[in-house]
Amino acid sequence: MRHEYEDLERMAIEAIEKHKLFFMDDVMAYLPCARSTFYHKGLDKSDAIKDAINKNRILAKVGLRKEWRFSNNAALQIALYKILATEDELQRLS
C-alpha cells in the first residue's frame, strides 16, 4: 500500500509541474484513481503535493505582479499598489 501511495504522490507532483496546476481538484483529474482513493490514502495531506502546488501559485503571483508593475493599465497599477502599501497608505487611498 505504501508503494502505491508513493507512486500516486510522484504522479501528482509530475502532473502539477507539467500542467502548472494550482488546485488539488485539478491534480486528482490527472491521477489514475478515484477522488475517494485520493482522500482515503491521505494524498490531500501530502506536504510534497502541497509544496508543489504552492510553488506554482507563488510563481504565478510573482509573474502577475511583474506584469502589473510594468503595465500602463491604471487599475492594475492601483491593485499592485494596494498589495504593497502600508496600512497608512491604504487609509489615505480610501
C-alpha atoms as a PDB file:
ATOM      1  CA  MET A   1       0.000   0.000   0.000  1.00  0.00           C
ATOM      2  CA  ARG A   2       2.867   2.408   0.797  1.00  0.00           C
ATOM      3  CA  HIS A   3       4.315   1.796  -2.645  1.00  0.00           C
ATOM      4  CA  GLU A   4       1.023   2.781  -4.271  1.00  0.00           C
ATOM      5  CA  TYR A   5       0.879   5.951  -2.147  1.00  0.00           C
ATOM      6  CA  GLU A   6       4.384   6.926  -3.231  1.00  0.00           C
ATOM      7  CA  ASP A   7       3.583   6.198  -6.887  1.00  0.00           C
ATOM      8  CA  LEU A   8       0.435   8.334  -6.760  1.00  0.00           C
ATOM      9  CA  GLU A   9       2.273  11.111  -4.945  1.00  0.00           C
ATOM     10  CA  ARG A  10       5.035  11.077  -7.590  1.00  0.00           C
ATOM     11  CA  MET A  11       2.457  11.140 -10.413  1.00  0.00           C
ATOM     12  CA  ALA A  12       0.631  14.024  -8.709  1.00  0.00           C
ATOM     13  CA  ILE A  13       3.810  16.082  -8.418  1.00  0.00           C
ATOM     14  CA  GLU A  14       4.719  15.365 -12.043  1.00  0.00           C
ATOM     15  CA  ALA A  15       1.238  16.498 -13.151  1.00  0.00           C
ATOM     16  CA  ILE A  16       1.455  19.650 -11.013  1.00  0.00           C
ATOM     17  CA  GLU A  17       4.800  20.587 -12.524  1.00  0.00           C
ATOM     18  CA  LYS A  18       3.931  19.658 -16.111  1.00  0.00           C
ATOM     19  CA  HIS A  19       0.485  21.275 -16.239  1.00  0.00           C
ATOM     20  CA  LYS A  20       1.152  24.144 -13.779  1.00  0.00           C
ATOM     21  CA  LEU A  21      -1.753  23.144 -11.536  1.00  0.00           C
ATOM     22  CA  PHE A  22      -2.992  25.335  -8.670  1.00  0.00           C
ATOM     23  CA  PHE A  23      -5.792  23.280  -7.095  1.00  0.00           C
ATOM     24  CA  MET A  24      -5.999  19.839  -5.509  1.00  0.00           C
ATOM     25  CA  ASP A  25      -9.150  19.038  -7.544  1.00  0.00           C
ATOM     26  CA  ASP A  26      -7.170  19.583 -10.742  1.00  0.00           C
ATOM     27  CA  VAL A  27      -4.425  17.264  -9.510  1.00  0.00           C
ATOM     28  CA  MET A  28      -6.937  14.472  -8.908  1.00  0.00           C
ATOM     29  CA  ALA A  29      -8.097  14.681 -12.525  1.00  0.00           C
ATOM     30  CA  TYR A  30      -4.629  13.633 -13.707  1.00  0.00           C
ATOM     31  CA  LEU A  31      -4.314  10.590 -11.447  1.00  0.00           C
ATOM     32  CA  PRO A  32      -5.392   7.040 -12.273  1.00  0.00           C
ATOM     33  CA  CYS A  33      -7.523   6.742  -9.147  1.00  0.00           C
ATOM     34  CA  ALA A  34     -10.874   7.919  -7.859  1.00  0.00           C
ATOM     35  CA  ARG A  35     -11.271  11.006  -5.691  1.00  0.00           C
ATOM     36  CA  SER A  36     -12.249   8.754  -2.797  1.00  0.00           C
ATOM     37  CA  THR A  37      -8.986   6.819  -3.167  1.00  0.00           C
ATOM     38  CA  PHE A  38      -7.016  10.078  -3.239  1.00  0.00           C
ATOM     39  CA  TYR A  39      -8.559  11.141   0.076  1.00  0.00           C
ATOM     40  CA  HIS A  40      -8.559   7.643   1.610  1.00  0.00           C
ATOM     41  CA  LYS A  41      -4.805   7.352   1.057  1.00  0.00           C
ATOM     42  CA  GLY A  42      -4.278  10.805   2.569  1.00  0.00           C
ATOM     43  CA  LEU A  43      -2.741  12.337  -0.535  1.00  0.00           C
ATOM     44  CA  ASP A  44      -4.616  15.566   0.196  1.00  0.00           C
ATOM     45  CA  LYS A  45      -2.389  15.893   3.283  1.00  0.00           C
ATOM     46  CA  SER A  46       0.888  15.286   1.434  1.00  0.00           C
ATOM     47  CA  ASP A  47       3.356  18.088   2.115  1.00  0.00           C
ATOM     48  CA  ALA A  48       5.169  17.309  -1.133  1.00  0.00           C
ATOM     49  CA  ILE A  49       1.970  17.786  -3.162  1.00  0.00           C
ATOM     50  CA  LYS A  50       1.025  20.938  -1.231  1.00  0.00           C
ATOM     51  CA  ASP A  51       4.532  22.345  -1.715  1.00  0.00           C
ATOM     52  CA  ALA A  52       4.407  21.722  -5.481  1.00  0.00           C
ATOM     53  CA  ILE A  53       1.030  23.478  -5.734  1.00  0.00           C
ATOM     54  CA  ASN A  54       2.234  26.391  -3.604  1.00  0.00           C
ATOM     55  CA  LYS A  55       5.344  26.743  -5.756  1.00  0.00           C
ATOM     56  CA  ASN A  56       3.115  27.138  -8.845  1.00  0.00           C
ATOM     57  CA  ARG A  57       0.915  29.663  -7.061  1.00  0.00           C
ATOM     58  CA  ILE A  58       3.896  31.733  -5.950  1.00  0.00           C
ATOM     59  CA  LEU A  59       5.437  31.721  -9.417  1.00  0.00           C
ATOM     60  CA  ALA A  60       2.119  32.806 -10.936  1.00  0.00           C
ATOM     61  CA  LYS A  61       1.629  35.604  -8.408  1.00  0.00           C
ATOM     62  CA  VAL A  62       5.166  36.900  -8.903  1.00  0.00           C
ATOM     63  CA  GLY A  63       4.670  36.845 -12.675  1.00  0.00           C
ATOM     64  CA  LEU A  64       1.375  38.709 -12.438  1.00  0.00           C
ATOM     65  CA  ARG A  65       2.789  41.346 -10.122  1.00  0.00           C
ATOM     66  CA  LYS A  66       5.690  41.864 -12.517  1.00  0.00           C
ATOM     67  CA  GLU A  67       3.234  42.364 -15.401  1.00  0.00           C
ATOM     68  CA  TRP A  68       1.152  44.747 -13.308  1.00  0.00           C
ATOM     69  CA  ARG A  69       4.233  46.762 -12.390  1.00  0.00           C
ATOM     70  CA  PHE A  70       5.156  47.460 -15.994  1.00  0.00           C
ATOM     71  CA  SER A  71       1.591  47.788 -17.280  1.00  0.00           C
ATOM     72  CA  ASN A  72       0.078  51.050 -18.486  1.00  0.00           C
ATOM     73  CA  ASN A  73      -3.277  49.935 -17.070  1.00  0.00           C
ATOM     74  CA  ALA A  74      -4.139  52.170 -14.115  1.00  0.00           C
ATOM     75  CA  ALA A  75      -6.404  49.580 -12.480  1.00  0.00           C
ATOM     76  CA  LEU A  76      -3.565  47.031 -12.413  1.00  0.00           C
ATOM     77  CA  GLN A  77      -1.130  49.597 -11.031  1.00  0.00           C
ATOM     78  CA  ILE A  78      -3.579  50.561  -8.267  1.00  0.00           C
ATOM     79  CA  ALA A  79      -4.132  46.889  -7.419  1.00  0.00           C
ATOM     80  CA  LEU A  80      -0.388  46.349  -7.124  1.00  0.00           C
ATOM     81  CA  TYR A  81      -0.002  49.485  -5.027  1.00  0.00           C
ATOM     82  CA  LYS A  82      -2.712  48.251  -2.649  1.00  0.00           C
ATOM     83  CA  ILE A  83      -0.892  44.929  -2.283  1.00  0.00           C
ATOM     84  CA  LEU A  84       2.381  46.689  -1.483  1.00  0.00           C
ATOM     85  CA  ALA A  85       1.026  49.628   0.547  1.00  0.00           C
ATOM     86  CA  THR A  86       1.412  50.157   4.262  1.00  0.00           C
ATOM     87  CA  GLU A  87      -1.691  50.472   6.442  1.00  0.00           C
ATOM     88  CA  ASP A  88      -1.290  54.266   6.473  1.00  0.00           C
ATOM     89  CA  GLU A  89      -1.054  54.410   2.688  1.00  0.00           C
ATOM     90  CA  LEU A  90      -4.133  52.210   2.323  1.00  0.00           C
ATOM     91  CA  GLN A  91      -6.123  54.533   4.620  1.00  0.00           C
ATOM     92  CA  ARG A  92      -5.082  57.527   2.555  1.00  0.00           C
ATOM     93  CA  LEU A  93      -6.255  55.811  -0.626  1.00  0.00           C
ATOM     94  CA  SER A  94      -9.696  55.155   0.833  1.00  0.00           C
END
